[in-house]
Amino acid sequence: MKGISNLWIGLGAIIVVILLAGMYVVGIINTEVKLDNDVKSQFANIEAQYQKRFDLIPNLVNTVRGTAGFEQETLTKLTELRSQWQTAPTATEKIDTANQLESTLSRLLLISENYPELRATEAFRDLMASLEGVENRISVERTRYNDKAREYNTFIKLFPNSFFVGGKAEKPFFQAAAGAQTPPTVPTDFT
């Protein structure tokens, strides 16, 4: 009898260890899914703010276009980037397009400094105030996204997590566009 009870105790211990190991693995996989969804949700928040920004662009272009001699190349580039962002299939392409747009918007704002009649219009001032608010919200959402992406990327690289969720791609970060540390130059002759 003693040999049989030791056998049952041994089998019970093995079953408990297997169940605990299985629960641990399930916990790792579920955590990866949760973190992945957190990153996707935060990226959706950024997209919502970008959509607000892109919705302002046609009004901004139309307001600026009315100023005689204003640089048409910048206005055209804004319109192209708006379309490019809306059709970008991946997060990385959307991030790249957003960075290009920021550079182009900065150039537009610098150029507008040379047009006091434009800056004096109520429509332009209202658009700039709206755009400033959206830019601030985008900055906050990008920071939150980068925090979530960092958390996800760290989780999938840690051992033993990497063993169970290996092969998952890292989430891209929002980074400053190349050359962002250098302010754009503004042409002084617009004729």
N, C-alpha and C. Protein backbone atom coordinates (compact mmCIF):
# COMPACT_ATOMS: atom_id res chain seq x y z
N MET A 1 0.81 -1.20 0.00
CA MET A 1 0.00 0.00 0.00
C MET A 1 0.85 1.26 0.00
N LYS A 2 1.95 1.21 0.75
CA LYS A 2 2.80 2.37 0.85
C LYS A 2 3.39 2.74 -0.51
N GLY A 3 3.75 1.77 -1.32
CA GLY A 3 4.32 2.00 -2.65
C GLY A 3 3.31 2.66 -3.58
N ILE A 4 2.03 2.26 -3.46
CA ILE A 4 0.99 2.83 -4.30
C ILE A 4 0.73 4.27 -3.89
N SER A 5 0.69 4.58 -2.60
CA SER A 5 0.43 5.96 -2.18
C SER A 5 1.59 6.86 -2.57
N ASN A 6 2.83 6.37 -2.51
CA ASN A 6 3.98 7.17 -2.97
C ASN A 6 3.89 7.44 -4.48
N LEU A 7 3.41 6.46 -5.22
CA LEU A 7 3.24 6.62 -6.67
C LEU A 7 2.22 7.71 -6.96
N TRP A 8 1.09 7.72 -6.22
CA TRP A 8 0.06 8.74 -6.42
C TRP A 8 0.56 10.12 -6.01
N ILE A 9 1.33 10.19 -4.96
CA ILE A 9 1.89 11.47 -4.52
C ILE A 9 2.85 12.00 -5.59
N GLY A 10 3.68 11.12 -6.12
CA GLY A 10 4.63 11.51 -7.18
C GLY A 10 3.92 11.97 -8.43
N LEU A 11 2.87 11.23 -8.85
CA LEU A 11 2.09 11.62 -10.03
C LEU A 11 1.36 12.94 -9.79
N GLY A 12 0.83 13.12 -8.59
CA GLY A 12 0.14 14.37 -8.23
C GLY A 12 1.09 15.55 -8.28
N ALA A 13 2.32 15.35 -7.77
CA ALA A 13 3.32 16.43 -7.79
C ALA A 13 3.69 16.79 -9.23
N ILE A 14 3.86 15.80 -10.09
CA ILE A 14 4.18 16.03 -11.51
C ILE A 14 3.05 16.79 -12.19
N ILE A 15 1.82 16.39 -11.91
CA ILE A 15 0.66 17.07 -12.51
C ILE A 15 0.60 18.53 -12.05
N VAL A 16 0.84 18.77 -10.77
CA VAL A 16 0.82 20.13 -10.24
C VAL A 16 1.91 20.98 -10.92
N VAL A 17 3.11 20.42 -11.05
CA VAL A 17 4.20 21.15 -11.71
C VAL A 17 3.84 21.45 -13.16
N ILE A 18 3.28 20.49 -13.86
CA ILE A 18 2.88 20.71 -15.26
C ILE A 18 1.80 21.78 -15.36
N LEU A 19 0.82 21.74 -14.46
CA LEU A 19 -0.24 22.76 -14.45
C LEU A 19 0.32 24.15 -14.16
N LEU A 20 1.22 24.25 -13.19
CA LEU A 20 1.83 25.54 -12.86
C LEU A 20 2.65 26.07 -14.03
N ALA A 21 3.41 25.20 -14.67
CA ALA A 21 4.21 25.62 -15.83
C ALA A 21 3.29 26.07 -16.97
N GLY A 22 2.22 25.34 -17.18
CA GLY A 22 1.26 25.71 -18.22
C GLY A 22 0.61 27.05 -17.94
N MET A 23 0.25 27.27 -16.68
CA MET A 23 -0.35 28.56 -16.30
C MET A 23 0.65 29.70 -16.49
N TYR A 24 1.91 29.44 -16.22
CA TYR A 24 2.95 30.46 -16.40
C TYR A 24 3.09 30.82 -17.88
N VAL A 25 3.12 29.81 -18.73
CA VAL A 25 3.24 30.05 -20.17
C VAL A 25 2.02 30.79 -20.69
N VAL A 26 0.84 30.39 -20.26
CA VAL A 26 -0.39 31.08 -20.67
C VAL A 26 -0.35 32.54 -20.21
N GLY A 27 0.16 32.77 -19.01
CA GLY A 27 0.29 34.14 -18.51
C GLY A 27 1.22 34.98 -19.38
N ILE A 28 2.32 34.40 -19.81
CA ILE A 28 3.25 35.12 -20.69
C ILE A 28 2.57 35.46 -22.01
N ILE A 29 1.91 34.50 -22.60
CA ILE A 29 1.24 34.72 -23.89
C ILE A 29 0.13 35.76 -23.74
N ASN A 30 -0.67 35.66 -22.69
CA ASN A 30 -1.75 36.63 -22.48
C ASN A 30 -1.20 38.04 -22.23
N THR A 31 -0.09 38.14 -21.52
CA THR A 31 0.52 39.45 -21.28
C THR A 31 1.01 40.05 -22.59
N GLU A 32 1.60 39.23 -23.45
CA GLU A 32 2.05 39.73 -24.76
C GLU A 32 0.87 40.24 -25.57
N VAL A 33 -0.24 39.54 -25.56
CA VAL A 33 -1.44 39.97 -26.28
C VAL A 33 -1.96 41.29 -25.71
N LYS A 34 -1.99 41.40 -24.39
CA LYS A 34 -2.45 42.64 -23.75
C LYS A 34 -1.55 43.81 -24.13
N LEU A 35 -0.23 43.62 -24.03
CA LEU A 35 0.70 44.70 -24.36
C LEU A 35 0.61 45.09 -25.84
N ASP A 36 0.44 44.10 -26.70
CA ASP A 36 0.27 44.37 -28.14
C ASP A 36 -0.99 45.21 -28.37
N ASN A 37 -2.07 44.85 -27.70
CA ASN A 37 -3.31 45.62 -27.84
C ASN A 37 -3.18 47.02 -27.26
N ASP A 38 -2.41 47.17 -26.18
CA ASP A 38 -2.16 48.49 -25.62
C ASP A 38 -1.43 49.38 -26.63
N VAL A 39 -0.44 48.82 -27.31
CA VAL A 39 0.31 49.58 -28.32
C VAL A 39 -0.61 49.96 -29.47
N LYS A 40 -1.40 49.02 -29.94
CA LYS A 40 -2.33 49.31 -31.06
C LYS A 40 -3.35 50.38 -30.66
N SER A 41 -3.86 50.29 -29.45
CA SER A 41 -4.83 51.27 -28.97
C SER A 41 -4.20 52.66 -28.89
N GLN A 42 -2.99 52.72 -28.39
CA GLN A 42 -2.32 54.02 -28.29
C GLN A 42 -2.01 54.58 -29.67
N PHE A 43 -1.66 53.72 -30.62
CA PHE A 43 -1.41 54.19 -31.98
C PHE A 43 -2.71 54.72 -32.59
N ALA A 44 -3.82 54.09 -32.26
CA ALA A 44 -5.12 54.58 -32.75
C ALA A 44 -5.41 55.97 -32.18
N ASN A 45 -5.01 56.24 -30.94
CA ASN A 45 -5.16 57.58 -30.37
C ASN A 45 -4.35 58.60 -31.16
N ILE A 46 -3.14 58.22 -31.54
CA ILE A 46 -2.31 59.11 -32.35
C ILE A 46 -2.97 59.35 -33.70
N GLU A 47 -3.47 58.29 -34.31
CA GLU A 47 -4.13 58.43 -35.61
C GLU A 47 -5.32 59.38 -35.53
N ALA A 48 -6.07 59.33 -34.43
CA ALA A 48 -7.21 60.23 -34.28
C ALA A 48 -6.75 61.68 -34.25
N GLN A 49 -5.64 61.94 -33.57
CA GLN A 49 -5.11 63.31 -33.53
C GLN A 49 -4.55 63.72 -34.88
N TYR A 50 -3.89 62.79 -35.55
CA TYR A 50 -3.39 63.09 -36.90
C TYR A 50 -4.56 63.40 -37.84
N GLN A 51 -5.64 62.66 -37.69
CA GLN A 51 -6.79 62.91 -38.55
C GLN A 51 -7.31 64.32 -38.33
N LYS A 52 -7.33 64.77 -37.08
CA LYS A 52 -7.74 66.15 -36.80
C LYS A 52 -6.80 67.12 -37.50
N ARG A 53 -5.50 66.83 -37.42
CA ARG A 53 -4.52 67.69 -38.07
C ARG A 53 -4.75 67.71 -39.58
N PHE A 54 -4.92 66.54 -40.15
CA PHE A 54 -5.10 66.45 -41.60
C PHE A 54 -6.42 67.07 -42.05
N ASP A 55 -7.42 67.06 -41.19
CA ASP A 55 -8.68 67.72 -41.52
C ASP A 55 -8.52 69.23 -41.56
N LEU A 56 -7.56 69.77 -40.81
CA LEU A 56 -7.31 71.21 -40.82
C LEU A 56 -6.53 71.65 -42.07
N ILE A 57 -5.80 70.74 -42.67
CA ILE A 57 -4.91 71.12 -43.78
C ILE A 57 -5.65 71.73 -44.97
N PRO A 58 -6.77 71.17 -45.45
CA PRO A 58 -7.44 71.82 -46.59
C PRO A 58 -7.84 73.27 -46.29
N ASN A 59 -8.32 73.52 -45.07
CA ASN A 59 -8.68 74.88 -44.69
C ASN A 59 -7.45 75.78 -44.64
N LEU A 60 -6.37 75.24 -44.11
CA LEU A 60 -5.13 76.00 -44.03
C LEU A 60 -4.60 76.32 -45.42
N VAL A 61 -4.60 75.33 -46.29
CA VAL A 61 -4.13 75.54 -47.66
C VAL A 61 -4.99 76.57 -48.37
N ASN A 62 -6.30 76.47 -48.23
CA ASN A 62 -7.19 77.43 -48.89
C ASN A 62 -7.00 78.84 -48.34
N THR A 63 -6.79 78.96 -47.05
CA THR A 63 -6.58 80.27 -46.45
C THR A 63 -5.26 80.88 -46.93
N VAL A 64 -4.23 80.08 -46.96
CA VAL A 64 -2.91 80.57 -47.38
C VAL A 64 -2.86 80.80 -48.88
N ARG A 65 -3.53 79.96 -49.64
CA ARG A 65 -3.49 80.07 -51.10
C ARG A 65 -3.98 81.44 -51.57
N GLY A 66 -4.86 82.06 -50.82
CA GLY A 66 -5.38 83.37 -51.20
C GLY A 66 -4.35 84.48 -51.12
N THR A 67 -3.23 84.22 -50.48
CA THR A 67 -2.19 85.24 -50.37
C THR A 67 -1.35 85.23 -51.64
N ALA A 68 -1.32 86.35 -52.30
CA ALA A 68 -0.60 86.45 -53.58
C ALA A 68 0.87 86.12 -53.39
N GLY A 69 1.39 85.32 -54.28
CA GLY A 69 2.82 85.01 -54.29
C GLY A 69 3.25 83.99 -53.26
N PHE A 70 2.33 83.44 -52.52
CA PHE A 70 2.74 82.47 -51.50
C PHE A 70 3.31 81.23 -52.18
N GLU A 71 4.29 80.63 -51.56
CA GLU A 71 5.00 79.49 -52.13
C GLU A 71 4.07 78.30 -52.34
N GLN A 72 3.75 78.01 -53.59
CA GLN A 72 2.81 76.94 -53.93
C GLN A 72 3.40 75.54 -53.69
N GLU A 73 4.70 75.41 -53.77
CA GLU A 73 5.34 74.11 -53.59
C GLU A 73 5.02 73.54 -52.19
N THR A 74 5.06 74.39 -51.18
CA THR A 74 4.78 73.95 -49.81
C THR A 74 3.32 73.52 -49.69
N LEU A 75 2.43 74.27 -50.29
CA LEU A 75 1.00 73.92 -50.23
C LEU A 75 0.73 72.59 -50.93
N THR A 76 1.37 72.40 -52.08
CA THR A 76 1.22 71.15 -52.82
C THR A 76 1.75 69.98 -52.00
N LYS A 77 2.90 70.18 -51.37
CA LYS A 77 3.50 69.11 -50.56
C LYS A 77 2.59 68.73 -49.39
N LEU A 78 1.96 69.72 -48.75
CA LEU A 78 1.03 69.42 -47.66
C LEU A 78 -0.13 68.55 -48.13
N THR A 79 -0.67 68.90 -49.28
CA THR A 79 -1.79 68.13 -49.84
C THR A 79 -1.35 66.71 -50.18
N GLU A 80 -0.16 66.56 -50.76
CA GLU A 80 0.34 65.23 -51.11
C GLU A 80 0.57 64.38 -49.86
N LEU A 81 1.15 64.98 -48.83
CA LEU A 81 1.41 64.23 -47.60
C LEU A 81 0.12 63.81 -46.91
N ARG A 82 -0.90 64.64 -46.99
CA ARG A 82 -2.20 64.29 -46.41
C ARG A 82 -2.74 63.03 -47.08
N SER A 83 -2.68 62.98 -48.41
CA SER A 83 -3.14 61.80 -49.15
C SER A 83 -2.26 60.59 -48.84
N GLN A 84 -0.97 60.80 -48.78
CA GLN A 84 -0.03 59.71 -48.52
C GLN A 84 -0.28 59.09 -47.15
N TRP A 85 -0.53 59.92 -46.15
CA TRP A 85 -0.78 59.41 -44.80
C TRP A 85 -2.06 58.57 -44.77
N GLN A 86 -3.10 59.04 -45.46
CA GLN A 86 -4.38 58.33 -45.43
C GLN A 86 -4.31 56.97 -46.10
N THR A 87 -3.37 56.79 -47.03
CA THR A 87 -3.26 55.52 -47.74
C THR A 87 -2.10 54.65 -47.27
N ALA A 88 -1.32 55.13 -46.30
CA ALA A 88 -0.18 54.36 -45.80
C ALA A 88 -0.67 53.08 -45.13
N PRO A 89 -0.15 51.91 -45.57
CA PRO A 89 -0.66 50.65 -45.04
C PRO A 89 -0.07 50.22 -43.70
N THR A 90 1.10 50.75 -43.32
CA THR A 90 1.73 50.28 -42.09
C THR A 90 1.97 51.44 -41.12
N ALA A 91 2.16 51.08 -39.87
CA ALA A 91 2.44 52.10 -38.85
C ALA A 91 3.75 52.83 -39.16
N THR A 92 4.74 52.10 -39.62
CA THR A 92 6.04 52.72 -39.93
C THR A 92 5.89 53.74 -41.04
N GLU A 93 5.13 53.43 -42.08
CA GLU A 93 4.93 54.38 -43.18
C GLU A 93 4.14 55.60 -42.71
N LYS A 94 3.17 55.38 -41.83
CA LYS A 94 2.41 56.51 -41.29
C LYS A 94 3.33 57.41 -40.45
N ILE A 95 4.20 56.80 -39.67
CA ILE A 95 5.14 57.57 -38.85
C ILE A 95 6.06 58.40 -39.74
N ASP A 96 6.59 57.79 -40.81
CA ASP A 96 7.47 58.52 -41.73
C ASP A 96 6.74 59.69 -42.39
N THR A 97 5.52 59.46 -42.81
CA THR A 97 4.73 60.51 -43.45
C THR A 97 4.43 61.63 -42.46
N ALA A 98 4.10 61.26 -41.23
CA ALA A 98 3.82 62.27 -40.20
C ALA A 98 5.04 63.14 -39.94
N ASN A 99 6.21 62.52 -39.92
CA ASN A 99 7.44 63.30 -39.72
C ASN A 99 7.68 64.27 -40.88
N GLN A 100 7.42 63.83 -42.10
CA GLN A 100 7.57 64.71 -43.26
C GLN A 100 6.57 65.87 -43.18
N LEU A 101 5.37 65.55 -42.74
CA LEU A 101 4.34 66.59 -42.64
C LEU A 101 4.75 67.65 -41.62
N GLU A 102 5.30 67.22 -40.50
CA GLU A 102 5.72 68.17 -39.48
C GLU A 102 6.76 69.13 -40.02
N SER A 103 7.69 68.60 -40.79
CA SER A 103 8.72 69.45 -41.39
C SER A 103 8.10 70.45 -42.37
N THR A 104 7.16 69.99 -43.16
CA THR A 104 6.50 70.87 -44.14
C THR A 104 5.64 71.91 -43.45
N LEU A 105 4.94 71.52 -42.39
CA LEU A 105 4.14 72.49 -41.63
C LEU A 105 5.04 73.55 -41.00
N SER A 106 6.18 73.14 -40.48
CA SER A 106 7.12 74.11 -39.90
C SER A 106 7.56 75.12 -40.95
N ARG A 107 7.83 74.62 -42.14
CA ARG A 107 8.24 75.51 -43.23
C ARG A 107 7.11 76.48 -43.57
N LEU A 108 5.88 75.98 -43.63
CA LEU A 108 4.73 76.83 -43.93
C LEU A 108 4.59 77.94 -42.89
N LEU A 109 4.74 77.58 -41.63
CA LEU A 109 4.60 78.58 -40.57
C LEU A 109 5.71 79.61 -40.62
N LEU A 110 6.92 79.17 -40.96
CA LEU A 110 8.02 80.13 -41.08
C LEU A 110 7.80 81.07 -42.27
N ILE A 111 7.34 80.51 -43.36
CA ILE A 111 7.10 81.33 -44.55
C ILE A 111 5.99 82.34 -44.26
N SER A 112 4.98 81.91 -43.52
CA SER A 112 3.85 82.81 -43.24
C SER A 112 4.27 84.04 -42.44
N GLU A 113 5.40 83.93 -41.74
CA GLU A 113 5.90 85.09 -40.99
C GLU A 113 6.18 86.27 -41.92
N ASN A 114 6.49 86.00 -43.18
CA ASN A 114 6.79 87.06 -44.14
C ASN A 114 5.54 87.67 -44.77
N TYR A 115 4.37 87.23 -44.33
CA TYR A 115 3.11 87.72 -44.90
C TYR A 115 2.23 88.28 -43.78
N PRO A 116 2.47 89.52 -43.38
CA PRO A 116 1.68 90.08 -42.28
C PRO A 116 0.19 90.13 -42.58
N GLU A 117 -0.19 90.31 -43.86
CA GLU A 117 -1.61 90.35 -44.20
C GLU A 117 -2.27 88.99 -43.97
N LEU A 118 -1.49 87.91 -44.14
CA LEU A 118 -2.01 86.57 -43.89
C LEU A 118 -2.18 86.36 -42.39
N ARG A 119 -1.16 86.70 -41.61
CA ARG A 119 -1.21 86.51 -40.16
C ARG A 119 -2.30 87.36 -39.52
N ALA A 120 -2.69 88.42 -40.18
CA ALA A 120 -3.70 89.32 -39.63
C ALA A 120 -5.12 88.80 -39.84
N THR A 121 -5.31 87.82 -40.73
CA THR A 121 -6.67 87.34 -40.98
C THR A 121 -7.16 86.47 -39.84
N GLU A 122 -8.42 86.61 -39.53
CA GLU A 122 -9.02 85.85 -38.44
C GLU A 122 -9.01 84.35 -38.74
N ALA A 123 -9.26 84.00 -39.99
CA ALA A 123 -9.29 82.58 -40.37
C ALA A 123 -7.93 81.93 -40.12
N PHE A 124 -6.86 82.62 -40.49
CA PHE A 124 -5.52 82.08 -40.30
C PHE A 124 -5.21 81.94 -38.81
N ARG A 125 -5.54 82.95 -38.02
CA ARG A 125 -5.28 82.90 -36.58
C ARG A 125 -6.06 81.75 -35.94
N ASP A 126 -7.31 81.57 -36.34
CA ASP A 126 -8.12 80.48 -35.79
C ASP A 126 -7.54 79.11 -36.16
N LEU A 127 -7.11 78.98 -37.41
CA LEU A 127 -6.51 77.72 -37.85
C LEU A 127 -5.21 77.43 -37.10
N MET A 128 -4.42 78.46 -36.89
CA MET A 128 -3.15 78.28 -36.17
C MET A 128 -3.41 77.88 -34.71
N ALA A 129 -4.43 78.45 -34.09
CA ALA A 129 -4.77 78.07 -32.71
C ALA A 129 -5.24 76.62 -32.66
N SER A 130 -6.07 76.23 -33.62
CA SER A 130 -6.54 74.83 -33.68
C SER A 130 -5.38 73.88 -33.93
N LEU A 131 -4.51 74.27 -34.85
CA LEU A 131 -3.36 73.43 -35.18
C LEU A 131 -2.42 73.29 -33.98
N GLU A 132 -2.23 74.36 -33.25
CA GLU A 132 -1.37 74.31 -32.07
C GLU A 132 -1.94 73.34 -31.03
N GLY A 133 -3.24 73.39 -30.81
CA GLY A 133 -3.87 72.46 -29.87
C GLY A 133 -3.71 71.01 -30.30
N VAL A 134 -3.91 70.76 -31.58
CA VAL A 134 -3.76 69.40 -32.11
C VAL A 134 -2.31 68.94 -31.97
N GLU A 135 -1.37 69.82 -32.28
CA GLU A 135 0.06 69.46 -32.18
C GLU A 135 0.42 69.09 -30.74
N ASN A 136 -0.12 69.82 -29.78
CA ASN A 136 0.15 69.49 -28.38
C ASN A 136 -0.41 68.13 -28.01
N ARG A 137 -1.63 67.84 -28.47
CA ARG A 137 -2.23 66.52 -28.18
C ARG A 137 -1.45 65.40 -28.88
N ILE A 138 -0.97 65.66 -30.09
CA ILE A 138 -0.16 64.66 -30.80
C ILE A 138 1.11 64.37 -30.01
N SER A 139 1.74 65.40 -29.51
CA SER A 139 2.97 65.21 -28.73
C SER A 139 2.72 64.33 -27.51
N VAL A 140 1.63 64.58 -26.81
CA VAL A 140 1.30 63.78 -25.63
C VAL A 140 1.03 62.33 -26.04
N GLU A 141 0.25 62.13 -27.09
CA GLU A 141 -0.10 60.77 -27.52
C GLU A 141 1.13 60.02 -28.04
N ARG A 142 2.05 60.70 -28.70
CA ARG A 142 3.27 60.05 -29.17
C ARG A 142 4.12 59.59 -28.00
N THR A 143 4.22 60.41 -26.97
CA THR A 143 4.98 60.02 -25.78
C THR A 143 4.36 58.79 -25.14
N ARG A 144 3.05 58.78 -25.04
CA ARG A 144 2.36 57.62 -24.46
C ARG A 144 2.57 56.38 -25.34
N TYR A 145 2.51 56.56 -26.64
CA TYR A 145 2.74 55.44 -27.56
C TYR A 145 4.15 54.89 -27.37
N ASN A 146 5.14 55.77 -27.34
CA ASN A 146 6.52 55.31 -27.18
C ASN A 146 6.69 54.56 -25.86
N ASP A 147 6.01 54.99 -24.81
CA ASP A 147 6.07 54.27 -23.54
C ASP A 147 5.50 52.86 -23.69
N LYS A 148 4.37 52.75 -24.37
CA LYS A 148 3.74 51.43 -24.58
C LYS A 148 4.61 50.55 -25.49
N ALA A 149 5.19 51.14 -26.53
CA ALA A 149 6.05 50.38 -27.44
C ALA A 149 7.29 49.88 -26.70
N ARG A 150 7.88 50.73 -25.85
CA ARG A 150 9.05 50.33 -25.07
C ARG A 150 8.70 49.17 -24.14
N GLU A 151 7.55 49.27 -23.48
CA GLU A 151 7.11 48.21 -22.57
C GLU A 151 6.93 46.90 -23.33
N TYR A 152 6.30 46.96 -24.50
CA TYR A 152 6.08 45.76 -25.31
C TYR A 152 7.42 45.18 -25.77
N ASN A 153 8.28 46.05 -26.34
CA ASN A 153 9.56 45.58 -26.87
C ASN A 153 10.42 44.95 -25.77
N THR A 154 10.40 45.52 -24.59
CA THR A 154 11.16 44.95 -23.47
C THR A 154 10.58 43.59 -23.09
N PHE A 155 9.28 43.48 -23.02
CA PHE A 155 8.63 42.23 -22.63
C PHE A 155 8.99 41.09 -23.57
N ILE A 156 8.94 41.35 -24.88
CA ILE A 156 9.19 40.24 -25.83
C ILE A 156 10.66 39.86 -25.91
N LYS A 157 11.54 40.71 -25.38
CA LYS A 157 12.97 40.39 -25.41
C LYS A 157 13.46 39.69 -24.14
N LEU A 158 12.71 39.84 -23.04
CA LEU A 158 13.14 39.24 -21.79
C LEU A 158 13.02 37.72 -21.84
N PHE A 159 13.95 37.04 -21.16
CA PHE A 159 13.87 35.60 -21.04
C PHE A 159 13.09 35.28 -19.78
N PRO A 160 12.20 34.36 -19.76
CA PRO A 160 11.87 33.35 -20.75
C PRO A 160 10.78 33.78 -21.74
N ASN A 161 10.31 35.03 -21.62
CA ASN A 161 9.24 35.49 -22.51
C ASN A 161 9.62 35.31 -23.98
N SER A 162 10.87 35.63 -24.31
CA SER A 162 11.32 35.54 -25.70
C SER A 162 11.23 34.10 -26.21
N PHE A 163 11.35 33.15 -25.32
CA PHE A 163 11.25 31.75 -25.72
C PHE A 163 9.82 31.39 -26.13
N PHE A 164 8.84 31.95 -25.42
CA PHE A 164 7.45 31.60 -25.67
C PHE A 164 6.75 32.50 -26.69
N VAL A 165 7.21 33.73 -26.83
CA VAL A 165 6.59 34.63 -27.81
C VAL A 165 7.62 35.08 -28.84
N GLY A 166 8.66 34.26 -29.01
CA GLY A 166 9.74 34.59 -29.94
C GLY A 166 9.22 34.80 -31.35
N GLY A 167 9.95 35.63 -32.07
CA GLY A 167 9.58 35.90 -33.45
C GLY A 167 8.66 37.09 -33.61
N LYS A 168 8.20 37.66 -32.52
CA LYS A 168 7.33 38.85 -32.61
C LYS A 168 8.19 40.05 -32.97
N ALA A 169 7.68 40.87 -33.87
CA ALA A 169 8.43 42.05 -34.30
C ALA A 169 8.29 43.16 -33.26
N GLU A 170 9.36 43.91 -33.11
CA GLU A 170 9.31 45.06 -32.21
C GLU A 170 8.40 46.12 -32.80
N LYS A 171 7.83 46.93 -31.93
CA LYS A 171 6.98 48.04 -32.36
C LYS A 171 7.88 49.24 -32.66
N PRO A 172 7.60 49.97 -33.74
CA PRO A 172 8.45 51.12 -34.06
C PRO A 172 8.18 52.28 -33.11
N PHE A 173 9.20 53.09 -32.89
CA PHE A 173 9.07 54.28 -32.05
C PHE A 173 8.89 55.51 -32.93
N PHE A 174 8.23 56.51 -32.38
CA PHE A 174 8.23 57.83 -33.01
C PHE A 174 9.54 58.47 -32.62
N GLN A 175 10.28 58.94 -33.61
CA GLN A 175 11.53 59.62 -33.36
C GLN A 175 11.53 60.91 -34.16
N ALA A 176 12.38 61.80 -33.76
CA ALA A 176 12.50 63.06 -34.50
C ALA A 176 12.94 62.75 -35.93
N ALA A 177 12.39 63.47 -36.86
CA ALA A 177 12.76 63.29 -38.26
C ALA A 177 14.21 63.71 -38.46
N ALA A 178 14.84 63.11 -39.43
CA ALA A 178 16.23 63.48 -39.75
C ALA A 178 16.29 64.97 -40.04
N GLY A 179 17.24 65.63 -39.42
CA GLY A 179 17.41 67.06 -39.64
C GLY A 179 16.49 67.92 -38.79
N ALA A 180 15.74 67.33 -37.87
CA ALA A 180 14.79 68.10 -37.06
C ALA A 180 15.50 69.09 -36.13
N GLN A 181 16.76 68.80 -35.81
CA GLN A 181 17.49 69.70 -34.94
C GLN A 181 17.90 70.99 -35.65
N THR A 182 17.81 71.01 -36.98
CA THR A 182 18.15 72.19 -37.76
C THR A 182 16.87 72.88 -38.22
N PRO A 183 16.70 74.14 -37.87
CA PRO A 183 15.47 74.83 -38.30
C PRO A 183 15.44 74.99 -39.82
N PRO A 184 14.25 74.92 -40.41
CA PRO A 184 14.18 75.07 -41.86
C PRO A 184 14.54 76.50 -42.26
N THR A 185 15.07 76.60 -43.47
CA THR A 185 15.40 77.93 -43.98
C THR A 185 14.21 78.46 -44.75
N VAL A 186 14.09 79.77 -44.69
CA VAL A 186 12.96 80.42 -45.35
C VAL A 186 13.51 81.33 -46.43
N PRO A 187 13.04 81.14 -47.66
CA PRO A 187 13.49 82.05 -48.72
C PRO A 187 12.99 83.46 -48.44
N THR A 188 13.80 84.44 -48.78
CA THR A 188 13.39 85.83 -48.54
C THR A 188 12.80 86.48 -49.76
N ASP A 189 12.97 85.88 -50.91
CA ASP A 189 12.43 86.45 -52.14
C ASP A 189 11.30 85.56 -52.63
N PHE A 190 10.08 86.05 -52.62
CA PHE A 190 8.91 85.26 -53.00
C PHE A 190 8.33 85.70 -54.32
N THR A 191 9.09 86.38 -55.11
CA THR A 191 8.55 86.86 -56.39
C THR A 191 8.82 85.88 -57.48
